[in-house]
C-alpha cells in the first residue's frame, strides 16, 4: 500500500472559507451534484467509504451515493491547497461542495517516495535541473529569482515528480492494496501574502496551479486505469485560536454538567457486539465441556472404563 503525505503530518484547525471538490472519479463511485456542506473532519470518512471501507460513525452526507460495491477504486488522491477559498476550475467537469468545521489528515510516506525533494535546498536544486517544469511552464509575472515564487513552483514540481515516479513503479498501481495520496500545497498562500491577492502574480499563480492540478489529476487517474478518485480541498486560512478556545469551553461545560438523573449506561462502540458474542459463546462452550466431562466421569465403571484398570489387569495376567 502506497501512502504519501507531503508537507503534512497532522493538521487540526478551524477552517474559514473553503471548498471540497472531486476532480476525477470512476463510474463505481457516485458523487451527487448539490450544494451540501460537508464537515472537514469527515473528509477521511468520505475517502474511506468511497474505497469500500467501513467507518466508526455513519456518514449522513448526501453527496456520496451508494456505488458498485464489488468494484471499488484502487486509489484516492487528496490535494489540499491553502490560501484560497476556491479555484477557477473548468465548469461541468468538477463537482464541488462547501467545506466547514475542521480538517484532519495524517499519514506517512512510502519508501518509494524517499527520493522526492523535501528540503528547501533540494526543491530549489530540483527546479534548476534540465528536466524540471521551468523549461515548459509559462511563468508570466512570476520570477525565477524570487524565493516565494520558487516555493510555489517547487510544489508543482513535486506533483510532476510523483506522477513520474509512479509511472516508473507501475507495480504500485497494479497491486491489490488500496493506495492513499495526501498532499498539502501552501505556495499559493505565500504568494498571496507576499504580493497580495489582487496582484497579477496571484492571478497567474492560481491559473498555473489549476492547470497543474488538472494535469496531475489526469496522470494519476490514467496510471490507475481510470480507477482512482482525485479530490481537492481549498482552504482560505486556519484559525487555530478559535479551535483551542472551543475545546476549553466544551471541557469546562462537560466538567460542570451534572450526571444524568436516569443513571443511563455509557454508549457502546462498534466492537461491543463482537466482543460480547466471543465471550458469551466461549463461556457456553467451556460450561458444556465441563458438564459433559463431569457426567462421563460420574457414570464411568472403574472395572471396565478405567485405563488404569485395563493396564494393571494385563500386567497381572502376564505375571
C-alpha atoms as a PDB file:
ATOM      1  CA  UNK A   1       0.000   0.000   0.000  1.00  0.00           C
ATOM      2  CA  UNK A   2       1.433   3.333  -1.042  1.00  0.00           C
ATOM      3  CA  UNK A   3       0.660   6.160   1.345  1.00  0.00           C
ATOM      4  CA  UNK A   4       2.109   9.608   0.729  1.00  0.00           C
ATOM      5  CA  UNK A   5       1.826  12.780   2.730  1.00  0.00           C
ATOM      6  CA  UNK A   6       3.873  15.765   1.524  1.00  0.00           C
ATOM      7  CA  UNK A   7       4.410  18.743   3.839  1.00  0.00           C
ATOM      8  CA  UNK A   8       1.737  17.362   6.131  1.00  0.00           C
ATOM      9  CA  UNK A   9       1.891  15.248   9.280  1.00  0.00           C
ATOM     10  CA  UNK A  10      -1.161  16.258  11.304  1.00  0.00           C
ATOM     11  CA  UNK A  11      -3.460  19.190  10.693  1.00  0.00           C
ATOM     12  CA  UNK A  12      -6.247  20.151  13.072  1.00  0.00           C
ATOM     13  CA  UNK A  13      -7.568  23.647  12.625  1.00  0.00           C
ATOM     14  CA  UNK A  14     -10.648  25.767  12.210  1.00  0.00           C
ATOM     15  CA  UNK A  15     -11.309  26.469   8.538  1.00  0.00           C
ATOM     16  CA  UNK A  16     -12.531  29.771   7.190  1.00  0.00           C
ATOM     17  CA  UNK A  17     -13.727  29.854   3.568  1.00  0.00           C
ATOM     18  CA  UNK A  18     -13.222  26.516   1.867  1.00  0.00           C
ATOM     19  CA  UNK A  19     -14.402  24.003  -0.708  1.00  0.00           C
ATOM     20  CA  UNK A  20     -14.245  20.257  -1.332  1.00  0.00           C
ATOM     21  CA  UNK A  21     -14.079  19.241  -4.997  1.00  0.00           C
ATOM     22  CA  UNK A  22     -13.999  15.979  -6.936  1.00  0.00           C
ATOM     23  CA  UNK A  23     -11.655  16.295  -9.895  1.00  0.00           C
ATOM     24  CA  UNK A  24     -11.782  12.669 -11.063  1.00  0.00           C
ATOM     25  CA  UNK A  25     -13.765   9.609 -10.039  1.00  0.00           C
ATOM     26  CA  UNK A  26     -14.559   6.236 -11.636  1.00  0.00           C
ATOM     27  CA  UNK A  27     -18.064   5.159 -12.528  1.00  0.00           C
ATOM     28  CA  UNK A  28     -18.243   2.900  -9.481  1.00  0.00           C
ATOM     29  CA  UNK A  29     -18.121   5.922  -7.143  1.00  0.00           C
ATOM     30  CA  UNK A  30     -21.113   8.233  -7.431  1.00  0.00           C
ATOM     31  CA  UNK A  31     -20.931  11.818  -6.176  1.00  0.00           C
ATOM     32  CA  UNK A  32     -24.209  13.731  -6.400  1.00  0.00           C
ATOM     33  CA  UNK A  33     -24.146  17.305  -7.632  1.00  0.00           C
ATOM     34  CA  UNK A  34     -25.543  19.627  -4.977  1.00  0.00           C
ATOM     35  CA  UNK A  35     -24.746  22.382  -2.508  1.00  0.00           C
ATOM     36  CA  UNK A  36     -24.411  20.095   0.517  1.00  0.00           C
ATOM     37  CA  UNK A  37     -21.807  21.251   3.056  1.00  0.00           C
ATOM     38  CA  UNK A  38     -19.517  18.588   4.454  1.00  0.00           C
ATOM     39  CA  UNK A  39     -17.706  18.804   7.808  1.00  0.00           C
ATOM     40  CA  UNK A  40     -13.964  18.900   7.361  1.00  0.00           C
ATOM     41  CA  UNK A  41     -13.358  16.160   9.918  1.00  0.00           C
ATOM     42  CA  UNK A  42     -15.464  13.737   7.820  1.00  0.00           C
ATOM     43  CA  UNK A  43     -13.343  14.051   4.670  1.00  0.00           C
ATOM     44  CA  UNK A  44     -11.244  10.980   5.625  1.00  0.00           C
ATOM     45  CA  UNK A  45     -14.527   9.087   6.051  1.00  0.00           C
ATOM     46  CA  UNK A  46     -15.585  10.091   2.537  1.00  0.00           C
ATOM     47  CA  UNK A  47     -12.298   8.719   1.212  1.00  0.00           C
ATOM     48  CA  UNK A  48     -12.711   5.503   3.231  1.00  0.00           C
ATOM     49  CA  UNK A  49     -16.320   4.911   2.149  1.00  0.00           C
ATOM     50  CA  UNK A  50     -15.555   5.633  -1.488  1.00  0.00           C
ATOM     51  CA  UNK A  51     -12.857   2.934  -1.351  1.00  0.00           C
ATOM     52  CA  UNK A  52     -15.200   0.406   0.262  1.00  0.00           C
ATOM     53  CA  UNK A  53     -14.008   0.625   3.884  1.00  0.00           C
ATOM     54  CA  UNK A  54     -16.241   0.998   6.916  1.00  0.00           C
ATOM     55  CA  UNK A  55     -16.166   3.961   9.297  1.00  0.00           C
ATOM     56  CA  UNK A  56     -16.915   4.201  13.015  1.00  0.00           C
ATOM     57  CA  UNK A  57     -19.732   6.727  12.642  1.00  0.00           C
ATOM     58  CA  UNK A  58     -22.352   6.681   9.916  1.00  0.00           C
ATOM     59  CA  UNK A  59     -21.982   9.421   7.321  1.00  0.00           C
ATOM     60  CA  UNK A  60     -25.321  11.064   6.590  1.00  0.00           C
ATOM     61  CA  UNK A  61     -23.853  13.366   3.930  1.00  0.00           C
ATOM     62  CA  UNK A  62     -25.995  13.055   0.744  1.00  0.00           C
ATOM     63  CA  UNK A  63     -23.170  13.964  -1.627  1.00  0.00           C
ATOM     64  CA  UNK A  64     -21.776  10.416  -1.704  1.00  0.00           C
ATOM     65  CA  UNK A  65     -24.197   7.843  -3.129  1.00  0.00           C
ATOM     66  CA  UNK A  66     -24.025   4.055  -2.962  1.00  0.00           C
ATOM     67  CA  UNK A  67     -21.951   2.857  -5.907  1.00  0.00           C
ATOM     68  CA  UNK A  68     -20.805  -0.522  -7.132  1.00  0.00           C
ATOM     69  CA  UNK A  69     -19.861  -2.486  -4.014  1.00  0.00           C
ATOM     70  CA  UNK A  70     -17.879  -5.061  -6.000  1.00  0.00           C
ATOM     71  CA  UNK A  71     -15.755  -2.606  -7.986  1.00  0.00           C
ATOM     72  CA  UNK A  72     -14.064  -0.087  -5.717  1.00  0.00           C
ATOM     73  CA  UNK A  73     -11.297   2.406  -6.662  1.00  0.00           C
ATOM     74  CA  UNK A  74      -7.712   1.321  -6.109  1.00  0.00           C
ATOM     75  CA  UNK A  75      -6.501   4.763  -5.050  1.00  0.00           C
ATOM     76  CA  UNK A  76      -7.617   8.074  -3.587  1.00  0.00           C
ATOM     77  CA  UNK A  77      -5.587  11.214  -4.222  1.00  0.00           C
ATOM     78  CA  UNK A  78      -6.323  14.166  -1.944  1.00  0.00           C
ATOM     79  CA  UNK A  79      -4.711  17.547  -2.587  1.00  0.00           C
ATOM     80  CA  UNK A  80      -5.132  20.407  -0.119  1.00  0.00           C
ATOM     81  CA  UNK A  81      -4.460  23.935  -1.370  1.00  0.00           C
ATOM     82  CA  UNK A  82      -4.024  26.601   1.285  1.00  0.00           C
ATOM     83  CA  UNK A  83      -4.564  30.304   0.731  1.00  0.00           C
ATOM     84  CA  UNK A  84      -7.672  30.357  -1.479  1.00  0.00           C
ATOM     85  CA  UNK A  85     -11.314  29.539  -0.781  1.00  0.00           C
ATOM     86  CA  UNK A  86     -11.897  28.163  -4.284  1.00  0.00           C
ATOM     87  CA  UNK A  87     -10.101  27.813  -7.597  1.00  0.00           C
ATOM     88  CA  UNK A  88     -11.424  28.626 -11.068  1.00  0.00           C
ATOM     89  CA  UNK A  89     -11.873  25.009 -12.128  1.00  0.00           C
ATOM     90  CA  UNK A  90     -13.413  24.148 -15.520  1.00  0.00           C
ATOM     91  CA  UNK A  91     -17.217  24.145 -15.156  1.00  0.00           C
ATOM     92  CA  UNK A  92     -19.088  20.928 -15.760  1.00  0.00           C
ATOM     93  CA  UNK A  93     -16.161  18.565 -15.194  1.00  0.00           C
ATOM     94  CA  UNK A  94     -15.800  19.122 -11.424  1.00  0.00           C
ATOM     95  CA  UNK A  95     -18.258  18.627  -8.566  1.00  0.00           C
ATOM     96  CA  UNK A  96     -17.729  20.952  -5.589  1.00  0.00           C
ATOM     97  CA  UNK A  97     -19.210  21.137  -2.090  1.00  0.00           C
ATOM     98  CA  UNK A  98     -18.886  23.701   0.717  1.00  0.00           C
ATOM     99  CA  UNK A  99     -16.476  22.660   3.457  1.00  0.00           C
ATOM    100  CA  UNK A 100     -16.964  23.576   7.084  1.00  0.00           C
ATOM    101  CA  UNK A 101     -15.502  22.994  10.556  1.00  0.00           C
ATOM    102  CA  UNK A 102     -12.114  21.309  10.959  1.00  0.00           C
ATOM    103  CA  UNK A 103      -9.851  19.272   8.725  1.00  0.00           C
ATOM    104  CA  UNK A 104      -7.992  16.185   9.994  1.00  0.00           C
ATOM    105  CA  UNK A 105      -5.296  14.491   7.945  1.00  0.00           C
ATOM    106  CA  UNK A 106      -2.499  12.168   8.971  1.00  0.00           C
ATOM    107  CA  UNK A 107      -0.237   9.643   7.255  1.00  0.00           C
ATOM    108  CA  UNK A 108       3.252   8.552   6.391  1.00  0.00           C
ATOM    109  CA  UNK A 109       5.287   8.250   3.209  1.00  0.00           C
ATOM    110  CA  UNK A 110       6.072   5.080   1.308  1.00  0.00           C
ATOM    111  CA  UNK A 111       9.740   4.253   0.783  1.00  0.00           C
ATOM    112  CA  UNK A 112       9.310   4.660  -2.975  1.00  0.00           C
ATOM    113  CA  UNK A 113       8.898   8.413  -2.499  1.00  0.00           C
ATOM    114  CA  UNK A 114      12.015   8.902  -0.399  1.00  0.00           C
ATOM    115  CA  UNK A 115      13.786  10.278  -3.484  1.00  0.00           C
ATOM    116  CA  UNK A 116      11.418  13.244  -3.673  1.00  0.00           C
ATOM    117  CA  UNK A 117      12.807  16.654  -2.805  1.00  0.00           C
ATOM    118  CA  UNK A 118      11.610  17.804   0.602  1.00  0.00           C
ATOM    119  CA  UNK A 119      14.002  20.448   1.940  1.00  0.00           C
ATOM    120  CA  UNK A 120      14.128  23.978   0.522  1.00  0.00           C
ATOM    121  CA  UNK A 121      17.614  23.402  -0.894  1.00  0.00           C
ATOM    122  CA  UNK A 122      16.573  20.160  -2.567  1.00  0.00           C
ATOM    123  CA  UNK A 123      13.476  21.785  -4.019  1.00  0.00           C
ATOM    124  CA  UNK A 124      15.487  24.711  -5.381  1.00  0.00           C
ATOM    125  CA  UNK A 125      18.104  22.434  -6.927  1.00  0.00           C
ATOM    126  CA  UNK A 126      15.413  20.256  -8.462  1.00  0.00           C
ATOM    127  CA  UNK A 127      13.814  23.254 -10.174  1.00  0.00           C
ATOM    128  CA  UNK A 128      17.023  24.172 -11.996  1.00  0.00           C
ATOM    129  CA  UNK A 129      17.673  20.724 -13.404  1.00  0.00           C
ATOM    130  CA  UNK A 130      17.262  20.049 -17.098  1.00  0.00           C
ATOM    131  CA  UNK A 131      14.022  18.073 -16.817  1.00  0.00           C
ATOM    132  CA  UNK A 132      12.236  20.478 -14.444  1.00  0.00           C
ATOM    133  CA  UNK A 133       8.905  22.144 -15.124  1.00  0.00           C
ATOM    134  CA  UNK A 134      10.597  25.554 -15.512  1.00  0.00           C
ATOM    135  CA  UNK A 135      11.575  24.566 -19.045  1.00  0.00           C
ATOM    136  CA  UNK A 136       7.965  24.097 -20.145  1.00  0.00           C
ATOM    137  CA  UNK A 137       5.878  26.169 -17.726  1.00  0.00           C
ATOM    138  CA  UNK A 138       4.782  29.719 -18.682  1.00  0.00           C
ATOM    139  CA  UNK A 139       5.773  31.812 -15.669  1.00  0.00           C
ATOM    140  CA  UNK A 140       4.136  35.052 -16.851  1.00  0.00           C
ATOM    141  CA  UNK A 141       4.563  37.516 -13.951  1.00  0.00           C
ATOM    142  CA  UNK A 142       6.296  35.002 -11.673  1.00  0.00           C
ATOM    143  CA  UNK A 143      10.054  35.199 -11.285  1.00  0.00           C
ATOM    144  CA  UNK A 144      12.759  32.550 -11.046  1.00  0.00           C
ATOM    145  CA  UNK A 145      14.771  34.785  -8.732  1.00  0.00           C
ATOM    146  CA  UNK A 146      12.126  35.215  -6.020  1.00  0.00           C
ATOM    147  CA  UNK A 147      12.095  32.713  -3.145  1.00  0.00           C
ATOM    148  CA  UNK A 148       8.306  32.902  -2.732  1.00  0.00           C
ATOM    149  CA  UNK A 149       7.754  32.155  -6.408  1.00  0.00           C
ATOM    150  CA  UNK A 150      10.265  29.304  -6.283  1.00  0.00           C
ATOM    151  CA  UNK A 151       8.447  27.759  -3.319  1.00  0.00           C
ATOM    152  CA  UNK A 152       5.209  27.778  -5.281  1.00  0.00           C
ATOM    153  CA  UNK A 153       6.871  26.343  -8.382  1.00  0.00           C
ATOM    154  CA  UNK A 154       8.669  23.671  -6.357  1.00  0.00           C
ATOM    155  CA  UNK A 155       5.316  22.321  -5.161  1.00  0.00           C
ATOM    156  CA  UNK A 156       4.215  21.969  -8.759  1.00  0.00           C
ATOM    157  CA  UNK A 157       7.490  20.164  -9.417  1.00  0.00           C
ATOM    158  CA  UNK A 158       6.652  17.718  -6.619  1.00  0.00           C
ATOM    159  CA  UNK A 159       3.302  16.964  -8.262  1.00  0.00           C
ATOM    160  CA  UNK A 160       5.081  16.244 -11.513  1.00  0.00           C
ATOM    161  CA  UNK A 161       7.689  14.064  -9.803  1.00  0.00           C
ATOM    162  CA  UNK A 162       5.048  11.985  -8.003  1.00  0.00           C
ATOM    163  CA  UNK A 163       3.322  11.014 -11.236  1.00  0.00           C
ATOM    164  CA  UNK A 164       6.706  10.376 -12.863  1.00  0.00           C
ATOM    165  CA  UNK A 165       7.782   8.086 -10.008  1.00  0.00           C
ATOM    166  CA  UNK A 166       4.551   6.138 -10.238  1.00  0.00           C
ATOM    167  CA  UNK A 167       4.938   5.744 -13.989  1.00  0.00           C
ATOM    168  CA  UNK A 168       8.334   4.134 -13.308  1.00  0.00           C
ATOM    169  CA  UNK A 169       6.981   1.994 -10.454  1.00  0.00           C
ATOM    170  CA  UNK A 170       3.740   0.828 -12.030  1.00  0.00           C
ATOM    171  CA  UNK A 171       3.554  -2.191  -9.742  1.00  0.00           C
ATOM    172  CA  UNK A 172       2.310   0.149  -7.007  1.00  0.00           C
ATOM    173  CA  UNK A 173      -0.747   0.975  -9.081  1.00  0.00           C
ATOM    174  CA  UNK A 174      -1.383  -2.653 -10.045  1.00  0.00           C
ATOM    175  CA  UNK A 175      -1.183  -4.379  -6.677  1.00  0.00           C
ATOM    176  CA  UNK A 176      -4.269  -5.413  -4.710  1.00  0.00           C
ATOM    177  CA  UNK A 177      -3.743  -2.936  -1.870  1.00  0.00           C
ATOM    178  CA  UNK A 178      -5.624   0.392  -1.970  1.00  0.00           C
ATOM    179  CA  UNK A 179      -3.441   3.490  -2.064  1.00  0.00           C
ATOM    180  CA  UNK A 180      -3.903   6.897  -0.466  1.00  0.00           C
ATOM    181  CA  UNK A 181      -2.016  10.038  -1.512  1.00  0.00           C
ATOM    182  CA  UNK A 182      -2.448  13.156   0.621  1.00  0.00           C
ATOM    183  CA  UNK A 183      -0.672  16.400  -0.227  1.00  0.00           C
ATOM    184  CA  UNK A 184      -0.755  19.967   1.053  1.00  0.00           C
ATOM    185  CA  UNK A 185       0.253  22.906  -1.145  1.00  0.00           C
ATOM    186  CA  UNK A 186       0.986  26.157   0.692  1.00  0.00           C
ATOM    187  CA  UNK A 187       2.866  28.053  -2.043  1.00  0.00           C
ATOM    188  CA  UNK A 188      -0.198  29.919  -3.304  1.00  0.00           C
ATOM    189  CA  UNK A 189      -0.869  31.178   0.215  1.00  0.00           C
ATOM    190  CA  UNK A 190       2.672  32.552   0.437  1.00  0.00           C
ATOM    191  CA  UNK A 191       2.277  34.325  -2.911  1.00  0.00           C
ATOM    192  CA  UNK A 192      -0.961  35.907  -1.692  1.00  0.00           C
ATOM    193  CA  UNK A 193       0.741  37.134   1.472  1.00  0.00           C
ATOM    194  CA  UNK A 194       3.782  38.460  -0.408  1.00  0.00           C
ATOM    195  CA  UNK A 195       2.157  40.127  -3.433  1.00  0.00           C
ATOM    196  CA  UNK A 196      -1.466  40.448  -2.313  1.00  0.00           C
ATOM    197  CA  UNK A 197      -4.489  38.530  -3.526  1.00  0.00           C
ATOM    198  CA  UNK A 198      -5.351  41.257  -6.044  1.00  0.00           C
ATOM    199  CA  UNK A 199      -1.913  41.133  -7.647  1.00  0.00           C
ATOM    200  CA  UNK A 200      -1.102  39.841 -11.099  1.00  0.00           C
ATOM    201  CA  UNK A 201       1.278  37.286  -9.592  1.00  0.00           C
ATOM    202  CA  UNK A 202      -1.516  35.747  -7.518  1.00  0.00           C
ATOM    203  CA  UNK A 203      -3.836  35.512 -10.522  1.00  0.00           C
ATOM    204  CA  UNK A 204      -1.146  33.945 -12.679  1.00  0.00           C
ATOM    205  CA  UNK A 205      -0.187  31.514  -9.917  1.00  0.00           C
ATOM    206  CA  UNK A 206      -3.830  30.473  -9.469  1.00  0.00           C
ATOM    207  CA  UNK A 207      -4.190  29.770 -13.180  1.00  0.00           C
ATOM    208  CA  UNK A 208      -0.918  27.843 -13.303  1.00  0.00           C
ATOM    209  CA  UNK A 209      -1.996  25.838 -10.262  1.00  0.00           C
ATOM    210  CA  UNK A 210      -5.350  24.939 -11.822  1.00  0.00           C
ATOM    211  CA  UNK A 211      -3.636  23.677 -14.981  1.00  0.00           C
ATOM    212  CA  UNK A 212      -1.086  21.724 -12.933  1.00  0.00           C
ATOM    213  CA  UNK A 213      -3.800  20.131 -10.781  1.00  0.00           C
ATOM    214  CA  UNK A 214      -5.805  19.144 -13.831  1.00  0.00           C
ATOM    215  CA  UNK A 215      -2.754  17.516 -15.399  1.00  0.00           C
ATOM    216  CA  UNK A 216      -1.835  15.805 -12.122  1.00  0.00           C
ATOM    217  CA  UNK A 217      -5.390  14.505 -11.742  1.00  0.00           C
ATOM    218  CA  UNK A 218      -5.385  13.159 -15.318  1.00  0.00           C
ATOM    219  CA  UNK A 219      -1.995  11.486 -14.833  1.00  0.00           C
ATOM    220  CA  UNK A 220      -2.970   9.786 -11.573  1.00  0.00           C
ATOM    221  CA  UNK A 221      -6.339   8.776 -12.972  1.00  0.00           C
ATOM    222  CA  UNK A 222      -4.721   7.200 -16.035  1.00  0.00           C
ATOM    223  CA  UNK A 223      -1.963   5.483 -14.030  1.00  0.00           C
ATOM    224  CA  UNK A 224      -4.653   3.551 -12.151  1.00  0.00           C
ATOM    225  CA  UNK A 225      -6.550   2.734 -15.309  1.00  0.00           C
ATOM    226  CA  UNK A 226      -9.402   5.121 -14.576  1.00  0.00           C
ATOM    227  CA  UNK A 227      -9.999   3.511 -11.181  1.00  0.00           C
ATOM    228  CA  UNK A 228      -8.947   6.327  -8.844  1.00  0.00           C
ATOM    229  CA  UNK A 229     -10.640   9.206  -7.048  1.00  0.00           C
ATOM    230  CA  UNK A 230      -8.888  12.592  -7.132  1.00  0.00           C
ATOM    231  CA  UNK A 231     -10.139  15.093  -4.563  1.00  0.00           C
ATOM    232  CA  UNK A 232      -9.276  18.755  -3.991  1.00  0.00           C
ATOM    233  CA  UNK A 233      -9.671  20.727  -0.766  1.00  0.00           C
ATOM    234  CA  UNK A 234      -9.230  24.505  -0.954  1.00  0.00           C
ATOM    235  CA  UNK A 235      -8.795  26.307   2.362  1.00  0.00           C
ATOM    236  CA  UNK A 236      -8.579  30.053   2.770  1.00  0.00           C
ATOM    237  CA  UNK A 237      -6.997  30.132   6.214  1.00  0.00           C
ATOM    238  CA  UNK A 238      -6.723  28.300   9.522  1.00  0.00           C
ATOM    239  CA  UNK A 239      -7.862  29.791  12.790  1.00  0.00           C
ATOM    240  CA  UNK A 240      -6.236  27.631  15.449  1.00  0.00           C
ATOM    241  CA  UNK A 241      -7.023  30.035  18.285  1.00  0.00           C
ATOM    242  CA  UNK A 242     -10.742  29.578  17.766  1.00  0.00           C
ATOM    243  CA  UNK A 243     -10.419  25.812  17.950  1.00  0.00           C
ATOM    244  CA  UNK A 244      -8.404  25.929  21.151  1.00  0.00           C
ATOM    245  CA  UNK A 245     -10.970  28.186  22.850  1.00  0.00           C
ATOM    246  CA  UNK A 246     -13.827  25.968  21.724  1.00  0.00           C
ATOM    247  CA  UNK A 247     -12.184  22.887  23.166  1.00  0.00           C
ATOM    248  CA  UNK A 248     -11.551  24.609  26.517  1.00  0.00           C
ATOM    249  CA  UNK A 249     -15.162  25.763  26.802  1.00  0.00           C
ATOM    250  CA  UNK A 250     -16.513  22.319  25.948  1.00  0.00           C
ATOM    251  CA  UNK A 251     -14.288  20.669  28.505  1.00  0.00           C
ATOM    252  CA  UNK A 252     -15.409  23.131  31.205  1.00  0.00           C
ATOM    253  CA  UNK A 253     -19.069  22.561  30.375  1.00  0.00           C
ATOM    254  CA  UNK A 254     -18.663  18.809  30.499  1.00  0.00           C
ATOM    255  CA  UNK A 255     -16.959  19.042  33.881  1.00  0.00           C
ATOM    256  CA  UNK A 256     -19.669  21.258  35.353  1.00  0.00           C
ATOM    257  CA  UNK A 257     -22.663  19.407  33.895  1.00  0.00           C
ATOM    258  CA  UNK A 258     -24.318  17.099  36.458  1.00  0.00           C
ATOM    259  CA  UNK A 259     -24.643  13.407  35.790  1.00  0.00           C
ATOM    260  CA  UNK A 260     -27.821  12.104  34.192  1.00  0.00           C
ATOM    261  CA  UNK A 261     -30.667  11.640  36.714  1.00  0.00           C
ATOM    262  CA  UNK A 262     -31.727   8.490  34.859  1.00  0.00           C
ATOM    263  CA  UNK A 263     -28.460   6.659  35.562  1.00  0.00           C
ATOM    264  CA  UNK A 264     -28.030   5.743  31.889  1.00  0.00           C
ATOM    265  CA  UNK A 265     -25.213   3.484  30.773  1.00  0.00           C
ATOM    266  CA  UNK A 266     -22.426   4.768  28.540  1.00  0.00           C
ATOM    267  CA  UNK A 267     -22.685   4.364  24.790  1.00  0.00           C
ATOM    268  CA  UNK A 268     -21.237   1.193  23.355  1.00  0.00           C
ATOM    269  CA  UNK A 269     -18.797   1.306  20.473  1.00  0.00           C
ATOM    270  CA  UNK A 270     -18.924  -0.790  17.314  1.00  0.00           C
ATOM    271  CA  UNK A 271     -16.691  -3.525  18.758  1.00  0.00           C
ATOM    272  CA  UNK A 272     -19.026  -4.236  21.683  1.00  0.00           C
ATOM    273  CA  UNK A 273     -21.310  -6.857  19.977  1.00  0.00           C
ATOM    274  CA  UNK A 274     -18.263  -8.675  18.604  1.00  0.00           C
ATOM    275  CA  UNK A 275     -16.551  -8.907  21.993  1.00  0.00           C
ATOM    276  CA  UNK A 276     -19.841  -9.793  23.691  1.00  0.00           C
ATOM    277  CA  UNK A 277     -20.529 -12.700  21.338  1.00  0.00           C
ATOM    278  CA  UNK A 278     -16.987 -14.008  21.617  1.00  0.00           C
ATOM    279  CA  UNK A 279     -17.091 -14.016  25.432  1.00  0.00           C
ATOM    280  CA  UNK A 280     -20.627 -15.424  25.548  1.00  0.00           C
ATOM    281  CA  UNK A 281     -20.078 -18.411  23.254  1.00  0.00           C
ATOM    282  CA  UNK A 282     -16.667 -19.241  24.701  1.00  0.00           C
ATOM    283  CA  UNK A 283     -18.230 -19.353  28.182  1.00  0.00           C
ATOM    284  CA  UNK A 284     -21.083 -21.548  26.914  1.00  0.00           C
ATOM    285  CA  UNK A 285     -18.626 -23.919  25.188  1.00  0.00           C
ATOM    286  CA  UNK A 286     -16.464 -24.202  28.321  1.00  0.00           C
ATOM    287  CA  UNK A 287     -19.534 -24.806  30.518  1.00  0.00           C
ATOM    288  CA  UNK A 288     -20.788 -27.576  28.205  1.00  0.00           C
ATOM    289  CA  UNK A 289     -17.314 -29.165  28.145  1.00  0.00           C
ATOM    290  CA  UNK A 290     -17.181 -29.224  31.950  1.00  0.00           C
ATOM    291  CA  UNK A 291     -20.725 -30.673  32.226  1.00  0.00           C
ATOM    292  CA  UNK A 292     -20.101 -33.435  29.641  1.00  0.00           C
ATOM    293  CA  UNK A 293     -16.758 -34.357  31.179  1.00  0.00           C
ATOM    294  CA  UNK A 294     -18.211 -34.452  34.692  1.00  0.00           C
ATOM    295  CA  UNK A 295     -21.161 -36.590  33.540  1.00  0.00           C
ATOM    296  CA  UNK A 296     -18.890 -39.140  31.859  1.00  0.00           C
ATOM    297  CA  UNK A 297     -16.594 -39.379  34.878  1.00  0.00           C
ATOM    298  CA  UNK A 298     -19.567 -39.779  37.249  1.00  0.00           C
ATOM    299  CA  UNK A 299     -21.029 -42.667  35.213  1.00  0.00           C
ATOM    300  CA  UNK A 300     -17.722 -44.392  34.467  1.00  0.00           C
ATOM    301  CA  UNK A 301     -17.276 -48.042  35.549  1.00  0.00           C
ATOM    302  CA  UNK A 302     -13.769 -48.349  37.073  1.00  0.00           C
ATOM    303  CA  UNK A 303     -13.703 -52.043  36.246  1.00  0.00           C
ATOM    304  CA  UNK A 304     -14.194 -51.609  32.530  1.00  0.00           C
ATOM    305  CA  UNK A 305     -13.806 -47.967  31.573  1.00  0.00           C
ATOM    306  CA  UNK A 306     -10.707 -47.044  33.560  1.00  0.00           C
ATOM    307  CA  UNK A 307      -7.494 -47.206  31.554  1.00  0.00           C
ATOM    308  CA  UNK A 308      -5.637 -47.814  34.818  1.00  0.00           C
ATOM    309  CA  UNK A 309      -7.644 -50.978  35.429  1.00  0.00           C
ATOM    310  CA  UNK A 310      -7.064 -52.296  31.908  1.00  0.00           C
ATOM    311  CA  UNK A 311      -3.310 -51.712  32.055  1.00  0.00           C
ATOM    312  CA  UNK A 312      -2.867 -53.301  35.513  1.00  0.00           C
ATOM    313  CA  UNK A 313      -5.133 -56.221  34.550  1.00  0.00           C
ATOM    314  CA  UNK A 314      -2.957 -57.036  31.530  1.00  0.00           C
ATOM    315  CA  UNK A 315       0.178 -56.821  33.674  1.00  0.00           C
ATOM    316  CA  UNK A 316      -1.257 -59.226  36.284  1.00  0.00           C
ATOM    317  CA  UNK A 317      -2.195 -61.734  33.593  1.00  0.00           C
ATOM    318  CA  UNK A 318       1.318 -61.599  32.115  1.00  0.00           C
ATOM    319  CA  UNK A 319       2.868 -62.255  35.526  1.00  0.00           C
END
